Amino acid sequence: MKSVFDSWSDLRVFLAVMRAGSTLAASKQLRQSQPTVARRIDVLEHLTGLTLFERSTQGLKPTDHALALLPHAEAVEAAVLTFEAAVDGRTRSKSSTIRITASGIAFSPGLATILDEFNESYPEVRFEFVPSDRVLDLCAGDADVAIRHARKIDDPRLVARQISVSRTTLYCSQRYFSRHGIPSGPADFAGHRFLLYEQRRGAHRFNEWLAAKVDPNLVVGTLPDIPSMIIAIRSGLGIGALPASMAIEAPELIQCFDPPSEGLIPIWLVVSPDAHKRREVRAFADFLAPRYAERIGNR
């Protein structure tokens, strides 16, 4: 007689139905549709030539045949789980490095804390940081994972998920506020002094929006990055743009108004297709995404 159970998935379905008592309950455990689970049971009964379950409105009742086969199925399950644990142990025993790229300011204490927590479960994983304001080519191997601010990710080869939203608007210092007040919106920009980012950051939609709204004669400085912008705003030179997640590091600054639509920029976790094949990279992506939104983004 040929082998009846030609895949582990057949046994998983059989055991799930035996333990749950119905194809519906088993489908929830297996994360499969109820018709799929019912069909797999029908196929098993056809292959074995045995009636494994009696159908009724109360669910499925295992027959004597099913009860006799149960301990053998559980023995196979135990062997498979032992095998998977052995593979996992050998895989995790190897040192592995995940290379992360993002703008320099993104490597914040909050991100460091998340990475440290991940290492508690995956102590063999090492992280290599590649700070850059440029969009590096992940498919070419420039990095494994990227944290990007962008309206969308155009490259279909990349595995991308939106993990948060950057909320950018204008801030000023207490000293600037006491001398000049603050604008409540673009209609109040006249008479104020503004700080912009250098042209190489012009792809940032909010910076483009602000540059178009402000009289060039009101621009008193251009800054290369967020840290220098924070310093310039703190000094009282003028009003400048900051993501809320960065402005929280300078609580003495005053927010001028709520972020306009141009200041709401999606934050993406992007993984190269080759890196996504690695178990530890997928585990890291699943670990980082909810914690980033909770602790760093959405502010």
Protein backbone atom coordinates (compact mmCIF):
# COMPACT_ATOMS: atom_id res chain seq x y z
CA MET A 1 0.00 0.00 0.00
CA LYS A 2 1.35 3.42 -0.86
CA SER A 3 1.96 6.00 1.86
CA VAL A 4 -1.32 7.59 2.88
CA PHE A 5 0.05 10.62 4.71
CA ASP A 6 2.32 12.13 2.08
CA SER A 7 2.82 15.43 3.93
CA TRP A 8 3.02 16.72 7.49
CA SER A 9 0.16 19.11 6.72
CA ASP A 10 -2.22 16.11 6.43
CA LEU A 11 -1.39 15.04 9.97
CA ARG A 12 -1.65 18.59 11.29
CA VAL A 13 -5.22 18.85 9.96
CA PHE A 14 -6.15 15.44 11.39
CA LEU A 15 -4.75 16.31 14.84
CA ALA A 16 -6.34 19.76 14.86
CA VAL A 17 -9.80 18.37 14.14
CA MET A 18 -9.34 15.61 16.72
CA ARG A 19 -8.44 18.18 19.37
CA ALA A 20 -10.85 20.96 18.41
CA GLY A 21 -13.92 18.80 17.72
CA SER A 22 -14.98 20.59 14.54
CA THR A 23 -13.54 21.77 11.25
CA LEU A 24 -14.51 25.36 12.11
CA ALA A 25 -12.59 25.38 15.40
CA ALA A 26 -9.67 23.58 13.76
CA SER A 27 -9.59 26.12 10.92
CA LYS A 28 -9.06 28.93 13.42
CA GLN A 29 -6.14 27.10 15.02
CA LEU A 30 -4.58 26.31 11.66
CA ARG A 31 -5.39 29.74 10.17
CA GLN A 32 -6.99 28.06 7.19
CA SER A 33 -10.51 28.32 5.85
CA GLN A 34 -13.15 25.93 7.19
CA PRO A 35 -13.88 24.49 3.70
CA THR A 36 -10.16 23.75 3.24
CA VAL A 37 -9.99 21.83 6.53
CA ALA A 38 -13.18 19.89 5.72
CA ARG A 39 -11.84 19.04 2.28
CA ARG A 40 -8.56 17.75 3.73
CA ILE A 41 -10.46 15.44 6.08
CA ASP A 42 -12.51 14.12 3.15
CA VAL A 43 -9.30 13.45 1.21
CA LEU A 44 -7.77 11.59 4.16
CA GLU A 45 -10.81 9.39 4.50
CA HIS A 46 -10.72 8.65 0.79
CA LEU A 47 -7.01 7.76 0.87
CA THR A 48 -7.28 5.54 3.94
CA GLY A 49 -10.58 3.98 3.03
CA LEU A 50 -11.63 4.65 6.63
CA THR A 51 -14.37 6.78 8.13
CA LEU A 52 -12.44 8.91 10.59
CA PHE A 53 -15.27 11.15 11.84
CA GLU A 54 -19.01 10.92 12.25
CA ARG A 55 -20.71 14.16 11.16
CA SER A 56 -23.52 15.74 13.17
CA THR A 57 -24.90 19.18 13.96
CA GLN A 58 -22.81 19.13 17.16
CA GLY A 59 -19.58 18.75 15.20
CA LEU A 60 -17.35 15.82 14.35
CA LYS A 61 -17.07 12.72 16.52
CA PRO A 62 -13.94 10.61 16.00
CA THR A 63 -14.58 6.99 15.11
CA ASP A 64 -12.71 4.01 16.53
CA HIS A 65 -10.41 4.18 13.51
CA ALA A 66 -9.46 7.79 14.33
CA LEU A 67 -8.90 7.00 18.00
CA ALA A 68 -6.64 4.09 17.08
CA LEU A 69 -4.58 6.27 14.73
CA LEU A 70 -4.32 9.21 17.17
CA PRO A 71 -1.28 8.03 19.19
CA HIS A 72 0.63 7.26 15.99
CA ALA A 73 -0.14 10.73 14.63
CA GLU A 74 0.97 12.30 17.89
CA ALA A 75 4.23 10.34 17.75
CA VAL A 76 4.90 11.76 14.28
CA GLU A 77 4.05 15.24 15.56
CA ALA A 78 6.54 14.89 18.41
CA ALA A 79 9.24 13.75 15.98
CA VAL A 80 8.59 16.68 13.65
CA LEU A 81 8.70 19.20 16.52
CA THR A 82 11.96 17.68 17.76
CA PHE A 83 13.40 17.96 14.27
CA GLU A 84 12.29 21.60 13.93
CA ALA A 85 13.80 22.45 17.33
CA ALA A 86 17.11 20.87 16.32
CA VAL A 87 17.17 22.84 13.06
CA ASP A 88 16.29 26.06 14.88
CA GLY A 89 19.02 25.50 17.44
CA ARG A 90 21.66 24.93 14.77
CA THR A 91 20.49 27.93 12.78
CA ARG A 92 20.48 30.25 15.78
CA SER A 93 23.89 29.07 16.91
CA LYS A 94 25.42 30.80 13.92
CA SER A 95 26.40 34.43 14.29
CA SER A 96 24.30 36.66 12.02
CA THR A 97 24.49 40.34 11.16
CA ILE A 98 21.59 42.54 10.08
CA ARG A 99 22.68 45.73 8.30
CA ILE A 100 20.27 48.63 8.84
CA THR A 101 20.27 51.88 6.89
CA ALA A 102 18.37 55.06 7.76
CA SER A 103 19.06 58.75 8.12
CA GLY A 104 21.52 59.41 10.93
CA ILE A 105 18.91 60.96 13.18
CA ALA A 106 16.79 57.78 12.98
CA PHE A 107 19.37 55.91 15.07
CA SER A 108 17.81 57.26 18.23
CA PRO A 109 17.85 56.01 21.84
CA GLY A 110 14.35 54.64 21.24
CA LEU A 111 15.55 52.49 18.34
CA ALA A 112 18.56 51.37 20.37
CA THR A 113 16.25 50.17 23.14
CA ILE A 114 14.18 48.13 20.67
CA LEU A 115 17.30 46.51 19.23
CA ASP A 116 18.51 45.67 22.74
CA GLU A 117 15.17 44.01 23.55
CA PHE A 118 15.34 42.00 20.33
CA ASN A 119 18.80 40.74 21.31
CA GLU A 120 17.37 39.27 24.50
CA SER A 121 15.60 36.67 22.33
CA TYR A 122 18.21 36.57 19.56
CA PRO A 123 21.58 37.10 21.28
CA GLU A 124 23.48 35.76 18.26
CA VAL A 125 22.27 38.60 16.00
CA ARG A 126 24.55 41.59 15.50
CA PHE A 127 23.52 44.91 13.98
CA GLU A 128 25.57 47.01 11.59
CA PHE A 129 24.39 50.60 11.09
CA VAL A 130 24.67 52.36 7.72
CA PRO A 131 23.53 55.96 8.35
CA SER A 132 22.78 57.80 5.12
CA ASP A 133 20.38 60.40 3.79
CA ARG A 134 20.62 58.71 0.39
CA VAL A 135 18.29 55.92 -0.68
CA LEU A 136 20.67 52.96 -0.75
CA ASP A 137 20.16 50.05 -3.14
CA LEU A 138 19.04 47.15 -0.95
CA CYS A 139 18.80 44.78 -3.91
CA ALA A 140 22.46 45.44 -4.66
CA GLY A 141 23.40 44.53 -1.09
CA ASP A 142 24.05 48.03 0.29
CA ALA A 143 22.05 47.01 3.40
CA ASP A 144 19.54 44.38 4.52
CA VAL A 145 16.89 46.61 6.08
CA ALA A 146 15.98 50.27 5.65
CA ILE A 147 13.79 52.71 7.57
CA ARG A 148 12.52 55.18 4.99
CA HIS A 149 10.32 58.26 4.93
CA ALA A 150 8.47 58.20 1.61
CA ARG A 151 5.02 58.56 0.09
CA LYS A 152 5.37 55.06 -1.37
CA ILE A 153 7.94 52.38 -2.14
CA ASP A 154 8.15 52.01 -5.90
CA ASP A 155 10.47 49.02 -6.27
CA PRO A 156 8.25 45.87 -6.41
CA ARG A 157 11.20 43.64 -5.54
CA LEU A 158 11.42 45.04 -2.02
CA VAL A 159 9.40 43.73 0.91
CA ALA A 160 7.89 46.86 2.49
CA ARG A 161 5.41 47.60 5.23
CA GLN A 162 4.31 50.96 6.60
CA ILE A 163 5.21 51.05 10.29
CA SER A 164 4.34 54.62 11.26
CA VAL A 165 3.70 58.17 10.11
CA SER A 166 6.11 61.07 10.56
CA ARG A 167 4.30 64.24 11.63
CA THR A 168 6.29 67.33 10.60
CA THR A 169 5.38 70.93 11.32
CA LEU A 170 6.95 74.25 12.36
CA TYR A 171 8.59 74.99 15.73
CA CYS A 172 10.19 78.00 17.38
CA SER A 173 12.00 78.80 20.60
CA GLN A 174 10.56 80.50 23.69
CA ARG A 175 12.70 83.54 22.94
CA TYR A 176 11.45 83.79 19.37
CA PHE A 177 7.86 83.44 20.61
CA SER A 178 8.26 86.21 23.19
CA ARG A 179 9.61 88.59 20.54
CA HIS A 180 7.60 87.72 17.45
CA GLY A 181 4.73 85.43 18.39
CA ILE A 182 3.98 82.46 16.14
CA PRO A 183 2.02 82.01 12.90
CA SER A 184 -1.18 79.99 13.08
CA GLY A 185 -0.80 79.01 9.44
CA PRO A 186 0.57 80.14 6.06
CA ALA A 187 -1.68 83.20 6.09
CA ASP A 188 0.35 84.51 9.07
CA PHE A 189 3.83 83.93 7.61
CA ALA A 190 4.46 87.60 6.77
CA GLY A 191 6.93 89.25 9.12
CA HIS A 192 8.38 85.97 10.47
CA ARG A 193 11.84 84.48 9.88
CA PHE A 194 12.22 80.96 8.57
CA LEU A 195 14.81 78.21 8.42
CA LEU A 196 14.84 75.71 5.56
CA TYR A 197 16.74 72.52 4.84
CA GLU A 198 19.37 72.51 2.12
CA GLN A 199 18.29 71.71 -1.41
CA ARG A 200 19.53 68.12 -1.20
CA ARG A 201 16.68 67.52 1.25
CA GLY A 202 14.24 69.21 -1.12
CA ALA A 203 12.57 65.86 -1.86
CA HIS A 204 10.93 66.16 1.54
CA ARG A 205 7.43 67.29 0.67
CA PHE A 206 7.06 69.55 3.71
CA ASN A 207 10.29 71.41 2.93
CA GLU A 208 9.10 71.97 -0.64
CA TRP A 209 5.72 73.15 0.65
CA LEU A 210 7.31 75.59 3.10
CA ALA A 211 9.76 76.97 0.52
CA ALA A 212 6.83 77.66 -1.83
CA LYS A 213 4.82 79.42 0.91
CA VAL A 214 7.59 81.63 2.31
CA ASP A 215 8.95 84.83 0.77
CA PRO A 216 12.65 84.12 0.02
CA ASN A 217 13.52 87.36 1.82
CA LEU A 218 12.15 85.81 5.03
CA VAL A 219 14.53 82.81 4.87
CA VAL A 220 17.39 83.51 7.29
CA GLY A 221 19.25 80.21 6.99
CA THR A 222 19.44 76.76 5.40
CA LEU A 223 20.51 73.74 7.43
CA PRO A 224 21.95 70.39 6.33
CA ASP A 225 20.14 68.09 8.76
CA ILE A 226 17.76 67.79 11.70
CA PRO A 227 20.34 68.14 14.53
CA SER A 228 21.58 71.45 13.11
CA MET A 229 17.98 72.57 12.60
CA ILE A 230 17.21 71.93 16.28
CA ILE A 231 20.24 74.02 17.29
CA ALA A 232 19.23 76.89 14.98
CA ILE A 233 15.65 76.90 16.26
CA ARG A 234 16.80 76.77 19.89
CA SER A 235 19.04 79.80 19.28
CA GLY A 236 16.01 81.86 18.25
CA LEU A 237 17.19 82.46 14.67
CA GLY A 238 13.81 81.61 13.21
CA ILE A 239 11.01 79.10 12.72
CA GLY A 240 11.95 75.69 11.34
CA ALA A 241 10.45 72.31 10.48
CA LEU A 242 10.90 69.23 12.65
CA PRO A 243 9.27 65.81 12.86
CA ALA A 244 7.35 65.54 16.13
CA SER A 245 9.39 62.46 17.07
CA MET A 246 12.54 64.62 16.96
CA ALA A 247 11.00 67.72 18.53
CA ILE A 248 10.16 65.65 21.59
CA GLU A 249 13.91 65.65 22.30
CA ALA A 250 13.65 69.44 22.72
CA PRO A 251 10.51 69.91 24.85
CA GLU A 252 11.22 73.62 25.35
CA LEU A 253 10.37 74.32 21.70
CA ILE A 254 6.89 75.59 20.78
CA GLN A 255 4.82 74.01 18.04
CA CYS A 256 3.32 76.66 15.77
CA PHE A 257 0.36 74.65 14.41
CA ASP A 258 -0.75 71.08 13.76
CA PRO A 259 0.98 69.28 10.88
CA PRO A 260 -0.63 70.01 7.50
CA SER A 261 -1.18 67.15 5.06
CA GLU A 262 2.21 67.90 3.51
CA GLY A 263 3.81 67.12 6.87
CA LEU A 264 2.32 63.64 7.21
CA ILE A 265 4.92 61.30 5.71
CA PRO A 266 4.62 57.49 5.90
CA ILE A 267 7.53 55.63 7.50
CA TRP A 268 8.40 52.30 5.90
CA LEU A 269 10.32 49.27 7.01
CA VAL A 270 11.92 47.95 3.82
CA VAL A 271 13.72 44.61 3.47
CA SER A 272 15.78 43.36 0.54
CA PRO A 273 14.41 40.20 -1.12
CA ASP A 274 17.55 38.20 -0.25
CA ALA A 275 17.55 39.33 3.40
CA HIS A 276 13.85 38.49 3.72
CA LYS A 277 14.71 34.82 3.15
CA ARG A 278 16.65 34.82 6.42
CA ARG A 279 14.70 33.74 9.49
CA GLU A 280 16.31 36.27 11.83
CA VAL A 281 15.57 39.18 9.46
CA ARG A 282 11.88 38.26 9.25
CA ALA A 283 11.78 37.89 13.03
CA PHE A 284 13.41 41.30 13.43
CA ALA A 285 10.94 42.96 11.05
CA ASP A 286 7.97 41.47 12.93
CA PHE A 287 9.50 42.57 16.24
CA LEU A 288 10.40 46.13 15.20
CA ALA A 289 7.23 47.17 13.36
CA PRO A 290 4.72 47.44 16.26
CA ARG A 291 7.31 48.78 18.72
CA TYR A 292 8.50 51.48 16.33
CA ALA A 293 4.95 52.76 15.86
CA GLU A 294 4.30 52.71 19.58
CA ARG A 295 7.51 54.28 20.87
CA ILE A 296 8.99 56.38 18.05
CA GLY A 297 6.53 57.06 15.26
CA ASN A 298 2.93 58.33 15.17
CA ARG A 299 3.93 61.41 17.12
